[in-house]
C-alpha cells in the first residue's frame, strides 16, 4: 500500500486540505501528512488513536513546525475516517 490522497481537515473555522501518503509499516501502516512542507507521520496505537511522529531533522526546522492543535485536528480526522 502506497497511495496518495487529500485529507480534508476543519481547523479554526477553516477548511484545510493536506496531501497524504499511506504506506505499509510492518503489520500496520503509517500516514505521512505534508503540512506546508513539514512532513509528519501519523500511526495508529493499540487503541486505534493516531499519534504524530516527526524526525529529528524535521524538529530542527522549528519555523515550519505545525502547532499542536493542528496535529490533534489531523489525528482526529484520521480516526473519524476509520469509524
N, C-alpha and C. Protein backbone atom coordinates (compact mmCIF):
# COMPACT_ATOMS: atom_id res chain seq x y z
N UNK A 1 0.86 -1.17 0.00
CA UNK A 1 0.00 0.00 0.00
C UNK A 1 0.90 1.23 0.00
N UNK A 2 0.71 2.09 -0.97
CA UNK A 2 1.48 3.33 -1.07
C UNK A 2 0.65 4.29 -1.90
N UNK A 3 -0.36 4.89 -1.30
CA UNK A 3 -1.33 5.70 -2.02
C UNK A 3 -1.25 7.16 -1.60
N UNK A 4 -1.51 8.04 -2.57
CA UNK A 4 -1.63 9.47 -2.28
C UNK A 4 -3.10 9.83 -2.19
N UNK A 5 -3.45 10.67 -1.23
CA UNK A 5 -4.81 11.18 -1.13
C UNK A 5 -4.78 12.54 -0.46
N UNK A 6 -5.90 13.21 -0.54
CA UNK A 6 -6.05 14.54 0.08
C UNK A 6 -6.93 14.38 1.30
N UNK A 7 -6.43 14.87 2.43
CA UNK A 7 -7.16 14.77 3.70
C UNK A 7 -7.77 16.13 4.03
N UNK A 8 -9.11 16.24 4.05
CA UNK A 8 -9.74 17.50 4.45
C UNK A 8 -9.80 17.59 5.98
N UNK A 9 -9.48 18.76 6.51
CA UNK A 9 -9.48 18.98 7.96
C UNK A 9 -10.10 20.34 8.26
N UNK A 10 -11.03 20.36 9.20
CA UNK A 10 -11.60 21.62 9.68
C UNK A 10 -10.74 22.08 10.86
N UNK A 11 -10.23 23.31 10.77
CA UNK A 11 -9.34 23.81 11.82
C UNK A 11 -9.52 25.31 11.97
N UNK A 12 -9.92 25.72 13.16
CA UNK A 12 -10.15 27.14 13.48
C UNK A 12 -11.04 27.84 12.45
N UNK A 13 -12.12 27.16 12.10
CA UNK A 13 -13.11 27.72 11.19
C UNK A 13 -12.70 27.69 9.72
N UNK A 14 -11.59 27.07 9.39
CA UNK A 14 -11.13 26.97 8.01
C UNK A 14 -11.19 25.53 7.54
N UNK A 15 -11.46 25.36 6.25
CA UNK A 15 -11.39 24.03 5.62
C UNK A 15 -10.01 23.92 4.98
N UNK A 16 -9.19 23.05 5.52
CA UNK A 16 -7.83 22.85 5.01
C UNK A 16 -7.75 21.50 4.33
N UNK A 17 -6.80 21.37 3.40
CA UNK A 17 -6.56 20.10 2.72
C UNK A 17 -5.08 19.81 2.76
N UNK A 18 -4.75 18.57 3.10
CA UNK A 18 -3.36 18.16 3.21
C UNK A 18 -3.11 16.94 2.34
N UNK A 19 -2.01 16.97 1.59
CA UNK A 19 -1.62 15.83 0.80
C UNK A 19 -1.04 14.78 1.74
N UNK A 20 -1.51 13.55 1.58
CA UNK A 20 -1.05 12.47 2.46
C UNK A 20 -0.60 11.29 1.63
N UNK A 21 0.21 10.47 2.25
CA UNK A 21 0.69 9.23 1.63
C UNK A 21 0.54 8.13 2.67
N UNK A 22 -0.12 7.05 2.29
CA UNK A 22 -0.31 5.91 3.18
C UNK A 22 0.69 4.83 2.77
N UNK A 23 1.40 4.28 3.74
CA UNK A 23 2.34 3.21 3.40
C UNK A 23 2.38 2.14 4.48
N UNK A 24 2.71 0.94 4.05
CA UNK A 24 2.81 -0.20 4.96
C UNK A 24 4.01 -0.01 5.88
N UNK A 25 3.83 -0.49 7.11
CA UNK A 25 4.90 -0.43 8.09
C UNK A 25 4.77 -1.66 8.98
N UNK A 26 5.54 -2.68 8.67
CA UNK A 26 5.41 -3.94 9.42
C UNK A 26 4.03 -4.54 9.19
N UNK A 27 3.34 -4.83 10.28
CA UNK A 27 1.99 -5.39 10.19
C UNK A 27 0.91 -4.32 10.22
N UNK A 28 1.30 -3.08 10.19
CA UNK A 28 0.34 -1.98 10.26
C UNK A 28 0.64 -1.00 9.12
N UNK A 29 0.29 0.23 9.30
CA UNK A 29 0.52 1.26 8.29
C UNK A 29 0.81 2.58 8.97
N UNK A 30 1.30 3.50 8.18
CA UNK A 30 1.52 4.87 8.63
C UNK A 30 0.97 5.82 7.59
N UNK A 31 0.66 7.03 8.02
CA UNK A 31 0.16 8.06 7.12
C UNK A 31 1.11 9.25 7.23
N UNK A 32 1.72 9.63 6.12
CA UNK A 32 2.59 10.79 6.08
C UNK A 32 1.77 11.98 5.60
N UNK A 33 1.74 13.03 6.38
CA UNK A 33 0.96 14.23 6.04
C UNK A 33 1.92 15.38 5.81
N UNK A 34 1.77 16.03 4.67
CA UNK A 34 2.60 17.19 4.33
C UNK A 34 1.86 18.44 4.79
N UNK A 35 2.41 19.09 5.81
CA UNK A 35 1.80 20.30 6.38
C UNK A 35 2.71 21.47 6.03
N UNK A 36 2.46 22.06 4.88
CA UNK A 36 3.27 23.19 4.44
C UNK A 36 4.75 22.87 4.32
N UNK A 37 5.08 21.68 3.81
CA UNK A 37 6.47 21.27 3.65
C UNK A 37 7.04 20.55 4.86
N UNK A 38 6.31 20.52 5.95
CA UNK A 38 6.73 19.83 7.17
C UNK A 38 6.04 18.47 7.16
N UNK A 39 6.79 17.39 7.01
CA UNK A 39 6.19 16.06 6.92
C UNK A 39 6.07 15.45 8.30
N UNK A 40 4.86 15.04 8.63
CA UNK A 40 4.58 14.41 9.92
C UNK A 40 3.98 13.03 9.64
N UNK A 41 4.47 12.04 10.37
CA UNK A 41 3.95 10.68 10.26
C UNK A 41 2.93 10.46 11.37
N UNK A 42 1.79 9.91 11.01
CA UNK A 42 0.77 9.52 11.97
C UNK A 42 0.65 8.00 11.92
N UNK A 43 0.59 7.39 13.10
CA UNK A 43 0.40 5.95 13.15
C UNK A 43 -0.63 5.62 14.21
N UNK A 44 -1.40 4.55 13.97
CA UNK A 44 -2.39 4.15 14.97
C UNK A 44 -1.72 3.43 16.13
N UNK A 45 -2.21 3.70 17.35
CA UNK A 45 -1.70 2.98 18.51
C UNK A 45 -2.61 1.77 18.77
N UNK A 46 -2.42 1.11 19.89
CA UNK A 46 -3.17 -0.10 20.21
C UNK A 46 -4.67 0.14 20.32
N UNK A 47 -5.08 1.36 20.68
CA UNK A 47 -6.50 1.69 20.82
C UNK A 47 -7.07 2.35 19.58
N UNK A 48 -6.30 2.33 18.47
CA UNK A 48 -6.70 2.91 17.18
C UNK A 48 -6.78 4.43 17.21
N UNK A 49 -6.10 5.05 18.18
CA UNK A 49 -5.93 6.50 18.19
C UNK A 49 -4.65 6.80 17.42
N UNK A 50 -4.58 7.95 16.78
CA UNK A 50 -3.40 8.29 15.99
C UNK A 50 -2.45 9.18 16.78
N UNK A 51 -1.18 8.89 16.64
CA UNK A 51 -0.15 9.72 17.26
C UNK A 51 0.76 10.25 16.16
N UNK A 52 1.29 11.45 16.39
CA UNK A 52 2.17 12.09 15.42
C UNK A 52 3.62 11.78 15.75
N UNK A 53 4.39 11.52 14.70
CA UNK A 53 5.82 11.26 14.84
C UNK A 53 6.54 12.15 13.84
N UNK A 54 7.67 12.70 14.24
CA UNK A 54 8.46 13.51 13.32
C UNK A 54 9.93 13.17 13.51
N UNK A 55 10.70 13.32 12.46
CA UNK A 55 12.13 13.01 12.55
C UNK A 55 12.88 14.13 13.26
N UNK A 56 14.07 13.82 13.72
CA UNK A 56 14.91 14.82 14.39
C UNK A 56 15.24 15.96 13.44
N UNK A 57 15.45 15.64 12.16
CA UNK A 57 15.75 16.69 11.17
C UNK A 57 14.57 17.66 11.04
N UNK A 58 13.37 17.12 11.03
CA UNK A 58 12.19 17.97 10.94
C UNK A 58 12.04 18.84 12.19
N UNK A 59 12.32 18.28 13.35
CA UNK A 59 12.17 19.02 14.59
C UNK A 59 13.13 20.20 14.67
N UNK A 60 14.26 20.11 13.96
CA UNK A 60 15.21 21.22 13.93
C UNK A 60 14.68 22.40 13.13
N UNK A 61 13.69 22.17 12.26
CA UNK A 61 13.09 23.22 11.44
C UNK A 61 11.90 23.83 12.18
N UNK A 62 12.15 24.42 13.31
CA UNK A 62 11.08 24.91 14.18
C UNK A 62 10.18 25.96 13.52
N UNK A 63 10.72 26.72 12.55
CA UNK A 63 9.91 27.77 11.94
C UNK A 63 8.74 27.22 11.13
N UNK A 64 8.84 25.99 10.63
CA UNK A 64 7.76 25.39 9.84
C UNK A 64 6.90 24.41 10.63
N UNK A 65 7.24 24.22 11.90
CA UNK A 65 6.54 23.21 12.70
C UNK A 65 5.08 23.60 12.92
N UNK A 66 4.16 22.68 12.58
CA UNK A 66 2.74 22.96 12.82
C UNK A 66 2.44 22.96 14.32
N UNK A 67 1.40 23.71 14.70
CA UNK A 67 1.09 23.75 16.12
C UNK A 67 0.38 22.47 16.57
N UNK A 68 0.42 22.27 17.86
CA UNK A 68 -0.10 21.04 18.48
C UNK A 68 -1.59 20.85 18.18
N UNK A 69 -2.36 21.94 18.19
CA UNK A 69 -3.80 21.84 17.94
C UNK A 69 -4.10 21.36 16.51
N UNK A 70 -3.28 21.79 15.55
CA UNK A 70 -3.47 21.34 14.17
C UNK A 70 -3.15 19.85 14.07
N UNK A 71 -2.08 19.42 14.71
CA UNK A 71 -1.74 17.99 14.69
C UNK A 71 -2.87 17.16 15.30
N UNK A 72 -3.45 17.67 16.36
CA UNK A 72 -4.56 16.97 17.01
C UNK A 72 -5.78 16.91 16.08
N UNK A 73 -6.06 18.00 15.37
CA UNK A 73 -7.20 18.03 14.44
C UNK A 73 -6.99 17.01 13.31
N UNK A 74 -5.77 16.89 12.83
CA UNK A 74 -5.47 15.91 11.78
C UNK A 74 -5.64 14.50 12.32
N UNK A 75 -5.13 14.23 13.52
CA UNK A 75 -5.26 12.91 14.13
C UNK A 75 -6.74 12.54 14.31
N UNK A 76 -7.55 13.49 14.75
CA UNK A 76 -8.98 13.23 14.95
C UNK A 76 -9.67 12.94 13.61
N UNK A 77 -9.26 13.64 12.55
CA UNK A 77 -9.85 13.39 11.23
C UNK A 77 -9.47 12.00 10.73
N UNK A 78 -8.22 11.59 10.95
CA UNK A 78 -7.80 10.24 10.57
C UNK A 78 -8.62 9.19 11.33
N UNK A 79 -8.83 9.41 12.62
CA UNK A 79 -9.66 8.50 13.42
C UNK A 79 -11.07 8.42 12.87
N UNK A 80 -11.64 9.57 12.52
CA UNK A 80 -13.01 9.61 12.01
C UNK A 80 -13.17 8.81 10.72
N UNK A 81 -12.12 8.76 9.93
CA UNK A 81 -12.19 8.00 8.67
C UNK A 81 -12.27 6.50 8.90
N UNK A 82 -11.85 6.04 10.07
CA UNK A 82 -11.83 4.61 10.34
C UNK A 82 -12.94 4.15 11.28
N UNK A 83 -13.93 4.96 11.49
CA UNK A 83 -15.04 4.57 12.36
C UNK A 83 -16.24 4.15 11.56
